[in-house]
Structure formats: structure tokens, C-alpha cells
Protein backbone atom coordinates (compact mmCIF):
# COMPACT_ATOMS: atom_id res chain seq x y z
CA MET A 1 -0.08 -0.17 -0.05
CA PRO A 2 1.45 3.18 -0.92
CA THR A 3 2.39 5.65 1.97
CA SER A 4 0.91 9.11 1.90
CA HIS A 5 4.38 10.65 1.01
CA GLY A 6 4.47 8.21 -2.36
CA ARG A 7 0.69 9.41 -3.15
CA ILE A 8 1.48 13.31 -3.01
CA TRP A 9 4.59 12.44 -5.19
CA THR A 10 2.42 10.70 -7.64
CA ILE A 11 -0.05 13.42 -7.56
CA GLY A 12 2.35 16.17 -7.91
CA THR A 13 4.01 14.23 -10.74
CA ALA A 14 0.91 13.83 -12.83
CA ILE A 15 -0.06 17.81 -12.31
CA VAL A 16 3.77 18.55 -13.37
CA VAL A 17 3.00 16.38 -16.42
CA ALA A 18 -0.10 17.87 -17.29
CA ILE A 19 0.75 21.48 -17.04
CA VAL A 20 3.79 20.46 -19.50
CA LEU A 21 1.43 18.91 -21.75
CA VAL A 22 -1.17 21.62 -21.89
CA ILE A 23 1.71 23.97 -22.61
CA VAL A 24 3.24 22.04 -25.50
CA VAL A 25 -0.04 21.47 -26.88
CA ARG A 26 -1.07 25.09 -26.94
CA THR A 27 1.98 26.22 -28.22
CA ALA A 28 1.72 23.68 -31.57
CA GLN A 29 -1.80 24.87 -31.68
CA VAL A 30 -0.69 28.43 -32.02
CA SER A 31 1.90 27.67 -34.64
CA SER A 32 -0.45 25.34 -36.30
CA HIS A 33 -2.82 28.27 -36.50
CA ALA A 34 -0.62 30.61 -37.75
CA LYS A 35 0.75 28.72 -40.25
CA ILE A 36 -2.71 28.05 -41.47
CA PHE A 37 -3.87 31.49 -41.62
CA LEU A 38 -0.64 32.51 -43.24
CA ARG A 39 -1.19 29.99 -46.14
CA GLU A 40 -5.14 31.34 -46.34
CA ALA A 41 -4.06 35.07 -46.19
CA VAL A 42 -1.65 34.65 -48.84
CA ALA A 43 -4.30 33.17 -51.19
CA LEU A 44 -6.28 36.16 -51.10
CA ARG A 45 -5.44 38.18 -54.22
CA LEU A 46 -4.93 41.67 -54.34
CA ARG A 47 -7.17 43.75 -56.63
CA GLU A 48 -9.61 40.62 -56.52
CA SER A 49 -10.46 39.04 -52.94
CA THR A 50 -13.27 41.27 -51.24
CA GLN A 51 -13.55 43.06 -47.99
CA ASP A 52 -16.16 40.25 -47.00
CA GLN A 53 -13.52 37.46 -47.71
CA VAL A 54 -10.91 39.47 -45.98
CA GLN A 55 -13.19 39.77 -42.86
CA ALA A 56 -14.44 36.34 -42.93
CA LEU A 57 -11.02 35.30 -42.66
CA VAL A 58 -10.09 37.12 -40.07
CA GLN A 59 -13.15 36.72 -37.92
CA ARG A 60 -12.21 33.17 -38.09
CA PHE A 61 -9.14 33.72 -36.59
CA ASN A 62 -9.78 36.00 -34.00
CA GLY A 63 -8.63 39.26 -35.84
CA HIS A 64 -9.58 42.41 -35.15
CA VAL A 65 -9.76 45.91 -37.29
CA GLU A 66 -7.41 48.42 -36.52
CA PRO A 67 -9.55 51.52 -34.77
CA ARG A 68 -7.61 54.39 -36.39
CA SER A 69 -7.84 52.70 -39.82
CA SER A 70 -11.39 52.52 -40.66
CA ASP A 71 -12.65 55.11 -42.57
CA SER A 72 -14.58 55.69 -45.77
CA MET A 73 -12.36 54.08 -47.95
CA GLY A 74 -11.48 51.00 -46.53
CA TYR A 75 -10.14 49.04 -43.18
CA SER A 76 -6.97 47.40 -41.99
CA TYR A 77 -7.65 43.88 -40.30
CA VAL A 78 -4.87 42.36 -37.85
CA VAL A 79 -4.29 38.96 -36.84
CA ILE A 80 -1.44 38.57 -34.28
CA PHE A 81 0.00 35.28 -32.89
CA GLU A 82 2.39 35.10 -30.09
CA ASN A 83 4.34 32.66 -28.04
CA THR A 84 2.77 33.56 -24.99
CA TRP A 85 3.87 30.26 -23.04
CA LEU A 86 7.25 30.08 -24.24
CA ARG A 87 7.88 33.82 -23.39
CA TYR A 88 5.79 33.52 -20.05
CA LEU A 89 8.19 30.59 -18.83
CA ARG A 90 11.49 32.30 -19.97
CA LEU A 91 12.01 29.59 -22.38
CA ALA A 92 12.15 31.84 -25.69
CA PRO A 93 12.12 35.48 -26.41
CA LEU A 94 8.97 37.21 -27.65
CA THR A 95 8.17 35.98 -30.96
CA ARG A 96 5.18 37.38 -32.94
CA LEU A 97 3.74 36.97 -36.32
CA SER A 98 1.24 40.02 -37.17
CA ILE A 99 -0.43 39.96 -40.26
CA THR A 100 -2.44 43.11 -41.46
CA LEU A 101 -4.72 43.06 -44.63
CA GLY A 102 -5.80 46.16 -46.24
CA THR A 103 -9.04 46.77 -48.03
CA SER A 104 -10.13 49.89 -49.99
CA ASP A 105 -13.22 50.18 -52.05
CA GLY A 106 -14.35 46.63 -50.88
CA VAL A 107 -11.05 45.01 -52.06
CA LEU A 108 -7.88 43.58 -50.52
CA VAL A 109 -5.16 46.33 -51.56
CA TYR A 110 -2.38 45.66 -49.49
CA ARG A 111 -0.97 42.97 -47.08
CA ARG A 112 1.58 43.29 -44.37
CA VAL A 113 3.36 40.24 -42.69
CA PHE A 114 5.89 40.91 -39.74
CA LEU A 115 7.77 38.21 -37.73
CA THR A 116 9.54 39.03 -35.05
CA SER A 117 11.94 36.97 -32.54
CA SER A 118 14.46 38.44 -30.06
CA ASP A 119 16.28 41.32 -31.87
CA SER A 120 15.50 40.17 -35.25
CA GLY A 121 12.57 40.93 -37.64
CA ALA A 122 11.28 40.35 -41.08
CA LEU A 123 8.62 42.86 -42.89
CA VAL A 124 7.00 41.55 -46.00
CA GLU A 125 4.74 44.02 -47.79
CA GLU A 126 2.75 43.88 -50.87
CA TRP A 127 0.95 46.45 -52.62
CA LEU A 128 -1.20 47.29 -55.61
CA SER A 129 1.60 50.01 -56.93
CA TRP A 130 4.98 51.34 -54.87
CA PRO A 131 4.68 54.25 -52.75
CA GLY A 132 6.89 56.78 -53.99
CA TYR A 133 9.88 55.72 -51.81
CA LEU A 134 10.41 52.26 -53.23
CA PRO A 135 11.88 50.89 -56.78
CA GLY A 136 9.73 50.26 -59.55
CA ALA A 137 10.48 46.61 -59.78
CA PRO A 138 7.89 44.16 -58.79
CA PHE A 139 10.13 42.24 -55.84
CA HIS A 140 12.62 44.03 -53.73
CA ILE A 141 14.67 43.16 -50.49
CA SER A 142 16.54 45.10 -48.18
CA GLY A 143 17.92 44.85 -45.03
CA SER A 144 19.51 47.18 -42.08
CA SER A 145 21.45 46.63 -38.45
CA SER A 146 21.80 48.56 -35.86
CA GLY A 147 23.84 46.53 -33.24
CA GLU A 148 22.17 43.37 -32.38
CA ARG A 149 18.89 44.39 -34.09
CA TYR A 150 18.27 43.00 -37.66
CA ARG A 151 15.67 43.74 -40.13
CA VAL A 152 15.08 42.49 -43.65
CA PHE A 153 12.52 43.77 -45.42
CA VAL A 154 10.77 42.47 -48.82
CA ASP A 155 8.48 44.61 -50.65
CA LEU A 156 6.67 43.01 -53.67
CA THR A 157 3.77 44.00 -55.73
CA PRO A 158 0.97 41.39 -57.37
CA ASP A 159 3.28 41.66 -60.75
CA ALA A 160 6.14 39.52 -58.91
CA SER A 161 6.66 36.47 -60.09
CA PRO A 162 5.08 33.14 -58.63
CA ALA A 163 8.65 32.30 -57.24
CA GLN A 164 9.10 35.54 -55.50
CA HIS A 165 5.85 35.35 -53.90
CA THR A 166 6.64 32.05 -52.56
CA ALA A 167 9.98 32.98 -51.50
CA ALA A 168 8.61 36.44 -49.79
CA TYR A 169 6.29 34.58 -47.46
CA ASP A 170 7.96 31.60 -46.76
CA LEU A 171 8.23 32.95 -43.23
CA ASN A 172 9.41 30.68 -40.67
CA VAL A 173 6.13 30.31 -38.23
CA ASN A 174 7.92 27.35 -36.37
CA CYS A 175 9.87 30.13 -34.67
CA LEU A 176 6.39 30.70 -32.85
CA SER A 177 7.00 26.95 -30.71
CA LYS A 178 10.61 26.94 -30.97
CA ILE A 179 12.66 26.89 -27.68
CA GLY A 180 15.02 29.74 -27.48
CA GLY A 181 13.39 31.42 -30.41
CA CYS A 182 14.74 32.11 -33.46
CA VAL A 183 17.69 34.41 -32.53
CA LYS A 184 19.40 34.38 -36.00
CA PRO A 185 17.84 36.99 -38.55
CA GLU A 186 18.12 34.39 -41.43
CA GLN A 187 16.31 31.85 -39.27
CA LEU A 188 13.08 33.95 -39.96
CA ILE A 189 12.96 34.09 -43.78
CA PRO A 190 15.51 31.43 -44.96
CA SER A 191 14.16 32.03 -48.45
CA VAL A 192 15.60 35.29 -49.16
CA THR A 193 19.28 36.31 -49.08
CA TRP A 194 19.64 39.98 -47.85
CA LYS A 195 22.88 40.24 -46.26
């Protein structure tokens, strides 16, 4: 017959195992949902996908409309995924995937995807046409570093090739569930060379 000490140890061990299991499952779910949302958000086509399609997708993933963005011309819909449990337990630095889908006149007109981890970040922006400060090519990569902070910027238009679109949106969403996070900038978006 087990002693009360043995029962307490067994119960304590079961509780710890259950907590670890919940954390592992929840972390995997965040990463999985982020992959699904990113894939579906990228499948939406600028100029063609409607505001209703964007809104339906964002609502399925508990996104929101940016309060300052709504006006008579359009809206910015935002969905954010974070590694909350890993960060809370200090097993990884804050890692965040933020996806913004902008509409105007009832259609999708821009897409912004920003993946950050530790001091690194990868920002992908797709526009119908370039803002004035960017070159006219349909695909452009640039990078910056300041001390230990690294950023890569990928700008594109719908006229970019399918291979360029694939490379631009091949963000490493597994960083959301990686113990230790993605501390090297090339881990965030390994499909582009930016140094």
C-alpha cells in the first residue's frame, strides 16, 4: 500500500506532466493556426479578393479591425500570433507574427506580414503599386542592422513572379513554437538572401 508521501509525489508528478502537456499542445496549436492563417491570407489576391472574404478569414482567427484605420475608403484587419507560453516561462524571447490585410473600395489592396523574434525581424509588404520611396521593380529586398537588431524588408507587388511570392511569404512560423526562439535573422525568412 503506497504511503501518503508516495501518493503526494505521484499526484504532484501527474500535475506537472499535465501542465507540460497543456503547454506543449497550446504552443503547437498557435504555430499550426499561424501557418494556416498565413497560407490562407497569402492565397487572397490583391485587386480581386473582397472585403467580405478578408473579414470572414480574419474573424475565423479572432482578428480585429485597427480602430484608427477605418474610414469611408477602407479598413485594416489584423491577426497576431505570439509565443505566450514560451515567453511566460522564459523558454524563448517574445516571438510575434502580425498579419495585416488592408481593404479599400471593397477589395484587398495591401498585405503586411511581420515576424519578429529576439532582436530580429522580417517584414513583407505587398502593394498594388509602390509607394513613391520604393523602386519600380515588382520585387525588392533590403536589410538593416543596428547593433544587435536585424531587419529584412521584402517589398513586392502582384506583378512579382510566383517564385518571388513564394520566397517572400516563406516565413518560418515554427519560430512561434521553438524553445529558445529564432535568434538569428536568417531563421525568420530563410528563403531570401539579404545580407
